[in-house]
Structures are given as structure tokens and as C-alpha cells.
C-alpha atoms as a PDB file:
ATOM      1  CA  MET A   1      17.115 -12.070  72.530  1.00  0.00           C
ATOM      2  CA  PRO A   2      19.665 -10.214  74.618  1.00  0.00           C
ATOM      3  CA  GLN A   3      20.257  -6.437  73.321  1.00  0.00           C
ATOM      4  CA  PRO A   4      23.642  -5.638  72.041  1.00  0.00           C
ATOM      5  CA  GLN A   5      25.177  -2.524  74.006  1.00  0.00           C
ATOM      6  CA  LEU A   6      24.275   0.573  72.489  1.00  0.00           C
ATOM      7  CA  PRO A   7      26.500   4.070  71.834  1.00  0.00           C
ATOM      8  CA  GLU A   8      25.589   7.104  74.299  1.00  0.00           C
ATOM      9  CA  ASN A   9      23.776   9.289  71.623  1.00  0.00           C
ATOM     10  CA  ILE A  10      20.996   6.378  70.216  1.00  0.00           C
ATOM     11  CA  LYS A  11      18.403   5.094  73.595  1.00  0.00           C
ATOM     12  CA  GLU A  12      16.481   1.760  72.415  1.00  0.00           C
ATOM     13  CA  ILE A  13      12.228   2.787  72.779  1.00  0.00           C
ATOM     14  CA  LYS A  14       9.793   1.667  73.542  1.00  0.00           C
ATOM     15  CA  GLU A  15       5.916   1.164  71.727  1.00  0.00           C
ATOM     16  CA  GLU A  16       3.981   3.707  72.947  1.00  0.00           C
ATOM     17  CA  GLU A  17       7.296   5.953  74.925  1.00  0.00           C
ATOM     18  CA  LEU A  18       7.360   9.671  73.992  1.00  0.00           C
ATOM     19  CA  PHE A  19       9.619  11.529  72.365  1.00  0.00           C
ATOM     20  CA  TYR A  20       9.557  15.098  70.767  1.00  0.00           C
ATOM     21  CA  PHE A  21      10.558  15.228  67.795  1.00  0.00           C
ATOM     22  CA  ASN A  22       9.871  17.166  64.464  1.00  0.00           C
ATOM     23  CA  CYS A  23      11.794  18.436  61.233  1.00  0.00           C
ATOM     24  CA  HIS A  24      10.439  21.889  58.547  1.00  0.00           C
ATOM     25  CA  PRO A  25      12.694  24.143  56.440  1.00  0.00           C
ATOM     26  CA  GLY A  26      11.206  26.613  59.846  1.00  0.00           C
ATOM     27  CA  VAL A  27      14.385  23.796  61.680  1.00  0.00           C
ATOM     28  CA  ARG A  28      17.818  25.472  60.896  1.00  0.00           C
ATOM     29  CA  CYS A  29      19.469  23.036  60.149  1.00  0.00           C
ATOM     30  CA  PHE A  30      16.655  21.730  57.863  1.00  0.00           C
ATOM     31  CA  THR A  31      18.196  19.910  54.468  1.00  0.00           C
ATOM     32  CA  ARG A  32      21.706  19.250  56.600  1.00  0.00           C
ATOM     33  CA  CYS A  33      21.630  15.713  57.192  1.00  0.00           C
ATOM     34  CA  CYS A  34      20.961  14.766  53.284  1.00  0.00           C
ATOM     35  CA  CYS A  35      24.333  15.281  52.802  1.00  0.00           C
ATOM     36  CA  GLN A  36      27.508  13.788  54.004  1.00  0.00           C
ATOM     37  CA  LEU A  37      25.962  10.073  54.614  1.00  0.00           C
ATOM     38  CA  GLU A  38      26.381   7.162  52.238  1.00  0.00           C
ATOM     39  CA  LEU A  39      22.731   5.137  51.797  1.00  0.00           C
ATOM     40  CA  ALA A  40      22.195   2.055  51.513  1.00  0.00           C
ATOM     41  CA  LEU A  41      19.408   1.155  49.182  1.00  0.00           C
ATOM     42  CA  SER A  42      16.758  -1.144  49.347  1.00  0.00           C
ATOM     43  CA  PRO A  43      15.049  -2.969  46.502  1.00  0.00           C
ATOM     44  CA  TYR A  44      12.391  -0.736  47.709  1.00  0.00           C
ATOM     45  CA  ASP A  45      13.535   2.121  47.786  1.00  0.00           C
ATOM     46  CA  LEU A  46      14.374   2.214  44.151  1.00  0.00           C
ATOM     47  CA  ILE A  47      11.177   0.748  42.591  1.00  0.00           C
ATOM     48  CA  ARG A  48       9.392   3.779  44.818  1.00  0.00           C
ATOM     49  CA  LEU A  49      11.873   6.058  43.663  1.00  0.00           C
ATOM     50  CA  ARG A  50      11.628   5.424  40.099  1.00  0.00           C
ATOM     51  CA  ARG A  51       8.370   4.890  40.153  1.00  0.00           C
ATOM     52  CA  HIS A  52       8.541   8.617  41.368  1.00  0.00           C
ATOM     53  CA  LEU A  53      10.741  10.262  39.026  1.00  0.00           C
ATOM     54  CA  GLY A  54       8.736   8.547  35.810  1.00  0.00           C
ATOM     55  CA  ILE A  55      12.273   6.356  35.055  1.00  0.00           C
ATOM     56  CA  THR A  56      12.916   2.156  34.894  1.00  0.00           C
ATOM     57  CA  SER A  57      14.921   0.366  36.998  1.00  0.00           C
ATOM     58  CA  ARG A  58      17.679  -0.210  34.967  1.00  0.00           C
ATOM     59  CA  GLU A  59      17.400   4.424  34.537  1.00  0.00           C
ATOM     60  CA  PHE A  60      17.927   4.711  38.014  1.00  0.00           C
ATOM     61  CA  LEU A  61      20.659   2.048  37.957  1.00  0.00           C
ATOM     62  CA  ASP A  62      22.480   4.398  36.020  1.00  0.00           C
ATOM     63  CA  GLN A  63      22.134   7.421  36.410  1.00  0.00           C
ATOM     64  CA  TYR A  64      21.754   7.635  40.629  1.00  0.00           C
ATOM     65  CA  ALA A  65      22.957   4.413  42.209  1.00  0.00           C
ATOM     66  CA  LEU A  66      26.570   2.745  43.262  1.00  0.00           C
ATOM     67  CA  VAL A  67      27.002  -0.894  43.190  1.00  0.00           C
ATOM     68  CA  GLU A  68      29.811  -1.907  45.478  1.00  0.00           C
ATOM     69  CA  TRP A  69      30.754  -5.809  46.685  1.00  0.00           C
ATOM     70  CA  GLN A  70      34.328  -5.939  49.034  1.00  0.00           C
ATOM     71  CA  GLU A  71      35.514  -9.412  49.911  1.00  0.00           C
ATOM     72  CA  GLY A  72      33.151 -11.062  53.235  1.00  0.00           C
ATOM     73  CA  ASP A  73      30.241  -9.014  51.427  1.00  0.00           C
ATOM     74  CA  LEU A  74      27.710 -11.868  50.666  1.00  0.00           C
ATOM     75  CA  PHE A  75      25.741 -10.259  47.950  1.00  0.00           C
ATOM     76  CA  PRO A  76      26.627  -6.768  46.682  1.00  0.00           C
ATOM     77  CA  ARG A  77      25.241  -3.251  47.870  1.00  0.00           C
ATOM     78  CA  VAL A  78      23.479  -0.675  46.127  1.00  0.00           C
ATOM     79  CA  TYR A  79      23.941   3.094  47.398  1.00  0.00           C
ATOM     80  CA  LEU A  80      22.453   6.515  46.146  1.00  0.00           C
ATOM     81  CA  ALA A  81      25.489   8.230  44.504  1.00  0.00           C
ATOM     82  CA  MET A  82      26.054  11.745  46.032  1.00  0.00           C
ATOM     83  CA  VAL A  83      27.183  15.074  44.073  1.00  0.00           C
ATOM     84  CA  ASP A  84      30.380  15.827  43.696  1.00  0.00           C
ATOM     85  CA  ASP A  85      30.033  19.221  45.353  1.00  0.00           C
ATOM     86  CA  GLY A  86      32.530  18.788  48.121  1.00  0.00           C
ATOM     87  CA  GLN A  87      30.212  17.906  50.762  1.00  0.00           C
ATOM     88  CA  ALA A  88      29.036  14.660  48.927  1.00  0.00           C
ATOM     89  CA  SER A  89      24.337  15.493  48.332  1.00  0.00           C
ATOM     90  CA  CYS A  90      21.900  13.745  47.917  1.00  0.00           C
ATOM     91  CA  PRO A  91      21.299  14.221  44.256  1.00  0.00           C
ATOM     92  CA  PHE A  92      17.726  15.021  44.595  1.00  0.00           C
ATOM     93  CA  VAL A  93      18.229  18.233  47.494  1.00  0.00           C
ATOM     94  CA  SER A  94      17.760  21.624  47.543  1.00  0.00           C
ATOM     95  CA  ALA A  95      17.253  24.755  49.453  1.00  0.00           C
ATOM     96  CA  LYS A  96      13.447  23.811  50.082  1.00  0.00           C
ATOM     97  CA  GLY A  97      14.210  20.521  50.958  1.00  0.00           C
ATOM     98  CA  CYS A  98      13.829  16.845  49.311  1.00  0.00           C
ATOM     99  CA  ALA A  99      12.658  16.479  45.611  1.00  0.00           C
ATOM    100  CA  VAL A 100      11.577  13.364  45.605  1.00  0.00           C
ATOM    101  CA  TYR A 101       9.883  13.177  49.185  1.00  0.00           C
ATOM    102  CA  GLU A 102       6.952  11.466  48.147  1.00  0.00           C
ATOM    103  CA  GLY A 103       9.155   8.832  46.842  1.00  0.00           C
ATOM    104  CA  ARG A 104      12.546   8.784  49.288  1.00  0.00           C
ATOM    105  CA  PRO A 105      14.339   6.265  51.124  1.00  0.00           C
ATOM    106  CA  GLY A 106      13.235   4.110  53.917  1.00  0.00           C
ATOM    107  CA  ALA A 107      15.747   5.341  55.811  1.00  0.00           C
ATOM    108  CA  CYS A 108      15.120   9.216  55.469  1.00  0.00           C
ATOM    109  CA  ARG A 109      11.226   8.407  56.141  1.00  0.00           C
ATOM    110  CA  THR A 110      12.933   6.114  59.505  1.00  0.00           C
ATOM    111  CA  TYR A 111      15.047   8.965  60.873  1.00  0.00           C
ATOM    112  CA  PRO A 112      15.487   9.832  63.626  1.00  0.00           C
ATOM    113  CA  LEU A 113      14.329   6.074  64.654  1.00  0.00           C
ATOM    114  CA  GLY A 114      16.014   3.155  63.618  1.00  0.00           C
ATOM    115  CA  ARG A 115      14.842  -0.141  63.456  1.00  0.00           C
ATOM    116  CA  ALA A 116      16.326  -3.218  64.399  1.00  0.00           C
ATOM    117  CA  VAL A 117      14.829  -6.963  62.896  1.00  0.00           C
ATOM    118  CA  PHE A 118      15.850 -10.428  64.858  1.00  0.00           C
ATOM    119  CA  ARG A 119      14.496 -13.239  64.698  1.00  0.00           C
ATOM    120  CA  SER A 120      12.985 -15.126  67.500  1.00  0.00           C
ATOM    121  CA  PRO A 121      13.547 -18.657  69.663  1.00  0.00           C
ATOM    122  CA  ASP A 122      10.494 -19.432  67.102  1.00  0.00           C
ATOM    123  CA  ASN A 123      11.939 -18.561  64.111  1.00  0.00           C
ATOM    124  CA  SER A 124       9.386 -15.865  63.850  1.00  0.00           C
ATOM    125  CA  LEU A 125      10.550 -11.968  63.399  1.00  0.00           C
ATOM    126  CA  ASP A 126      10.692  -9.992  65.439  1.00  0.00           C
ATOM    127  CA  SER A 127      12.095  -6.300  65.611  1.00  0.00           C
ATOM    128  CA  PHE A 128      12.983  -3.563  68.533  1.00  0.00           C
ATOM    129  CA  HIS A 129      13.436   0.630  67.684  1.00  0.00           C
ATOM    130  CA  VAL A 130      15.997   3.316  68.767  1.00  0.00           C
ATOM    131  CA  VAL A 131      15.698   7.069  68.835  1.00  0.00           C
ATOM    132  CA  LEU A 132      19.078   8.388  67.517  1.00  0.00           C
ATOM    133  CA  ARG A 133      20.431  12.157  68.186  1.00  0.00           C
ATOM    134  CA  GLU A 134      23.142  13.595  66.581  1.00  0.00           C
ATOM    135  CA  GLU A 135      24.219  17.272  67.302  1.00  0.00           C
ATOM    136  CA  HIS A 136      23.725  18.433  63.975  1.00  0.00           C
ATOM    137  CA  CYS A 137      19.992  17.130  64.669  1.00  0.00           C
ATOM    138  CA  LEU A 138      18.153  20.061  66.177  1.00  0.00           C
ATOM    139  CA  GLY A 139      13.936  18.647  65.270  1.00  0.00           C
ATOM    140  CA  PHE A 140      14.859  17.261  68.187  1.00  0.00           C
ATOM    141  CA  GLY A 141      13.742  20.721  69.867  1.00  0.00           C
ATOM    142  CA  GLU A 142      10.199  20.728  68.287  1.00  0.00           C
ATOM    143  CA  ALA A 143       7.714  20.488  70.816  1.00  0.00           C
ATOM    144  CA  THR A 144       5.405  17.794  68.569  1.00  0.00           C
ATOM    145  CA  GLU A 145       5.189  15.304  70.522  1.00  0.00           C
ATOM    146  CA  GLN A 146       5.959  11.573  68.845  1.00  0.00           C
ATOM    147  CA  THR A 147       5.241   7.688  68.773  1.00  0.00           C
ATOM    148  CA  ILE A 148       7.040   4.743  67.152  1.00  0.00           C
ATOM    149  CA  GLY A 149       3.507   4.261  65.879  1.00  0.00           C
ATOM    150  CA  ARG A 150       2.618   8.097  64.507  1.00  0.00           C
ATOM    151  CA  TRP A 151       6.285   8.300  63.847  1.00  0.00           C
ATOM    152  CA  THR A 152       5.844   5.026  61.638  1.00  0.00           C
ATOM    153  CA  GLN A 153       2.674   5.862  59.824  1.00  0.00           C
ATOM    154  CA  GLY A 154       2.943   9.666  59.214  1.00  0.00           C
ATOM    155  CA  GLN A 155       5.803   8.287  57.376  1.00  0.00           C
ATOM    156  CA  GLY A 156       4.236   6.039  55.254  1.00  0.00           C
ATOM    157  CA  LEU A 157       6.815   2.975  57.232  1.00  0.00           C
ATOM    158  CA  PRO A 158       4.357   0.335  57.506  1.00  0.00           C
ATOM    159  CA  ASP A 159       5.028  -0.591  53.058  1.00  0.00           C
ATOM    160  CA  TYR A 160       8.545  -0.136  53.789  1.00  0.00           C
ATOM    161  CA  ASN A 161       8.957  -2.791  57.018  1.00  0.00           C
ATOM    162  CA  GLN A 162       6.899  -5.188  55.420  1.00  0.00           C
ATOM    163  CA  MET A 163       9.669  -5.655  51.838  1.00  0.00           C
ATOM    164  CA  ASN A 164      12.250  -5.059  54.095  1.00  0.00           C
ATOM    165  CA  ASP A 165      11.242  -7.646  56.835  1.00  0.00           C
ATOM    166  CA  ALA A 166      10.728 -10.258  53.564  1.00  0.00           C
ATOM    167  CA  LEU A 167      14.471  -9.183  52.078  1.00  0.00           C
ATOM    168  CA  PHE A 168      15.802  -9.884  56.202  1.00  0.00           C
ATOM    169  CA  ALA A 169      14.221 -13.376  55.298  1.00  0.00           C
ATOM    170  CA  LEU A 170      16.241 -14.114  51.798  1.00  0.00           C
ATOM    171  CA  LEU A 171      19.892 -12.317  53.419  1.00  0.00           C
ATOM    172  CA  HIS A 172      19.804 -14.129  57.281  1.00  0.00           C
ATOM    173  CA  HIS A 173      18.216 -17.536  55.613  1.00  0.00           C
ATOM    174  CA  PRO A 174      19.445 -20.214  57.551  1.00  0.00           C
ATOM    175  CA  GLU A 175      21.339 -21.454  54.997  1.00  0.00           C
ATOM    176  CA  THR A 176      23.520 -18.255  55.130  1.00  0.00           C
ATOM    177  CA  THR A 177      24.779 -19.733  59.277  1.00  0.00           C
ATOM    178  CA  ARG A 178      26.274 -22.451  57.714  1.00  0.00           C
ATOM    179  CA  GLY A 179      28.283 -21.329  55.784  1.00  0.00           C
ATOM    180  CA  PHE A 180      26.460 -20.392  51.939  1.00  0.00           C
ATOM    181  CA  VAL A 181      28.682 -18.409  49.841  1.00  0.00           C
ATOM    182  CA  PRO A 182      27.196 -16.797  46.819  1.00  0.00           C
ATOM    183  CA  SER A 183      28.694 -17.184  43.566  1.00  0.00           C
ATOM    184  CA  PRO A 184      29.512 -14.630  41.243  1.00  0.00           C
ATOM    185  CA  ALA A 185      26.766 -15.290  38.765  1.00  0.00           C
ATOM    186  CA  GLN A 186      24.052 -15.681  41.952  1.00  0.00           C
ATOM    187  CA  ARG A 187      25.432 -12.023  43.391  1.00  0.00           C
ATOM    188  CA  GLN A 188      24.780 -11.363  39.656  1.00  0.00           C
ATOM    189  CA  LEU A 189      21.216 -13.244  39.874  1.00  0.00           C
ATOM    190  CA  PHE A 190      20.436 -10.937  43.421  1.00  0.00           C
ATOM    191  CA  LEU A 191      20.934  -7.453  41.659  1.00  0.00           C
ATOM    192  CA  ALA A 192      19.225  -8.052  38.501  1.00  0.00           C
ATOM    193  CA  THR A 193      16.095 -10.091  40.267  1.00  0.00           C
ATOM    194  CA  LEU A 194      15.593  -7.540  42.678  1.00  0.00           C
ATOM    195  CA  TYR A 195      17.487  -3.961  41.263  1.00  0.00           C
ATOM    196  CA  ASP A 196      16.228  -4.470  38.370  1.00  0.00           C
ATOM    197  CA  ILE A 197      12.772  -5.167  38.033  1.00  0.00           C
ATOM    198  CA  ASP A 198      11.357  -3.940  35.301  1.00  0.00           C
ATOM    199  CA  THR A 199      13.850  -6.560  33.421  1.00  0.00           C
ATOM    200  CA  PHE A 200      12.925  -9.595  35.807  1.00  0.00           C
ATOM    201  CA  LYS A 201       9.182  -8.120  35.087  1.00  0.00           C
ATOM    202  CA  THR A 202       9.743  -9.386  31.664  1.00  0.00           C
ATOM    203  CA  SER A 203      12.102 -11.653  31.717  1.00  0.00           C
ATOM    204  CA  GLY A 204       9.420 -14.628  31.576  1.00  0.00           C
ATOM    205  CA  LYS A 205      10.936 -16.370  34.564  1.00  0.00           C
ATOM    206  CA  MET A 206       7.520 -15.655  36.149  1.00  0.00           C
ATOM    207  CA  GLU A 207       4.239 -16.847  34.706  1.00  0.00           C
ATOM    208  CA  ASN A 208       2.341 -14.102  36.693  1.00  0.00           C
ATOM    209  CA  GLY A 209       5.053 -11.713  36.426  1.00  0.00           C
ATOM    210  CA  ARG A 210       3.456  -8.998  33.680  1.00  0.00           C
ATOM    211  CA  GLN A 211       0.419  -8.839  35.794  1.00  0.00           C
ATOM    212  CA  LEU A 212       1.463  -8.234  39.101  1.00  0.00           C
ATOM    213  CA  ASP A 213       2.282  -4.516  40.432  1.00  0.00           C
ATOM    214  CA  ASP A 214       5.965  -3.477  41.502  1.00  0.00           C
ATOM    215  CA  GLU A 215       4.720  -4.460  45.906  1.00  0.00           C
ATOM    216  CA  ASN A 216       3.803  -8.195  44.902  1.00  0.00           C
ATOM    217  CA  LEU A 217       6.122  -8.511  42.176  1.00  0.00           C
ATOM    218  CA  LEU A 218       9.190  -7.555  44.773  1.00  0.00           C
ATOM    219  CA  LEU A 219       7.710  -9.999  47.001  1.00  0.00           C
ATOM    220  CA  ALA A 220       7.889 -12.694  44.314  1.00  0.00           C
ATOM    221  CA  ALA A 221      11.058 -12.399  43.166  1.00  0.00           C
ATOM    222  CA  ILE A 222      12.261 -12.171  47.080  1.00  0.00           C
ATOM    223  CA  THR A 223      10.558 -16.007  46.822  1.00  0.00           C
ATOM    224  CA  TRP A 224      11.811 -17.251  43.508  1.00  0.00           C
ATOM    225  CA  LEU A 225      15.567 -16.022  44.318  1.00  0.00           C
ATOM    226  CA  GLN A 226      15.205 -17.327  47.852  1.00  0.00           C
ATOM    227  CA  ARG A 227      14.497 -21.259  45.207  1.00  0.00           C
ATOM    228  CA  GLN A 228      17.013 -20.205  43.160  1.00  0.00           C
ATOM    229  CA  LEU A 229      19.676 -20.188  45.946  1.00  0.00           C
ATOM    230  CA  PHE A 230      18.834 -22.410  48.798  1.00  0.00           C
ATOM    231  CA  GLY A 231      16.022 -24.573  47.160  1.00  0.00           C
ATOM    232  CA  PHE A 232      13.876 -23.856  49.708  1.00  0.00           C
ATOM    233  CA  PHE A 233      11.801 -20.891  50.853  1.00  0.00           C
ATOM    234  CA  GLN A 234      11.847 -20.274  54.837  1.00  0.00           C
ATOM    235  CA  PHE A 235      10.276 -16.553  55.847  1.00  0.00           C
END
């Protein structure tokens, strides 16, 4: 698959290619990337955040999330609600850093890398990584050697990638390329199933749902939702 033309500050990076980067309180720009941003949350991001905070998925949606849907969007999007402090700061950032570091979203863990997923000609999922260099980020001046694998493992990303790949299969289901347009009720079902996982767990829609941990419940919920929307499952 031909790769898209990338801006000058974004460069594709190979699996074992070295880059130098680190982020810690000693870097002068520390936490600067935690403001003036639009941070979309995946269903798994919400699970990890609400678990870290010790609240339900419904409580997280009410307190920390914005749900948006615009004409042309397939499904609603969920964003982290930023603080109205003139800088649109993350609600979890402090002078010492991230207050929810162990439960931070996948996008925060991935930066300064980006990961794109696509379908190969044989219909399997494939991916490539890019490195994003922004003027405000001084982490590239650190002498710490990194590779995709080292950064991915160090940031705890394998679970996030697995969950997001399963979601990709739903969002890019063959029916969506054939013109499928969800109804308002189906859009609401998307939110209720994937972003309010605690309510879904107790809804009785899945016989063994109460016995599953969050990760396996989310994977099962994605499969269940695909069948409700499209009538069959395809990964």
C-alpha cells in the first residue's frame, strides 16, 4: 500500500531505526504538550482512565468527556474535556506531571510517535509508524536511544494497540465502504456499548459479560456491536 505524503516534520520510521528522545521533569518543555490539544479518547482509553480514577464509565463520561458528532461522521467521537484556564489544559496535568500517569491515554503514551493502521491486500491489518517533531518539544535533545519496539514496550502500548486494532475492524468494516450510514439509534448504541462498558456489563446483553475482565469484555462488546450493526463479524 503506497504511503501518504507526509508533512516535513513527520517522518516514517522503520522498526529498528534509532531515534533519540526522552521526556522527564528536567526537560524545559515538560507538560507543555498537555495543553492546547484536542485529545480523542478510544474506548480502551476510557476504561484505563476510569479504572485508575476508581469511578464508573458513566461517571467519567459525565465529568471528563465531551461527545461530539458532526454531519459526515460515521459515529460520535469522545474527547477529553479540557480545563477552561485560557490554555485548554488537560484536567489531569500538574506541575509535577501527569496525575493519572498509569492510566494515561494511548495518544499520550505513543507521542512522539504516531501509528497508522490499514488493511493489506490480503485483508489482514498492517501498520506503520512515524515520528513527529514539533518545535515546542525539546525531548529530541535528550541522548536516550529509542526504537519503535523499545518505546512501545516502555510506554505499555501493546494492550492499547490490540484494542484499537479491534476497534479499527469495526470502524472500517466492509459495509462502511459500501455506503453504510448508521441511524441515530445505532450511533447511540455505539456509545452505550463501547464507552459505557460498566452499564453494558450489567445489561444482560452478553450471558458471560459479568465474568469477563475489562479487556476481554471490550473485545467481546466490539464483536457483539459489529453483529448488531452489520449482521456478521469480520476482523
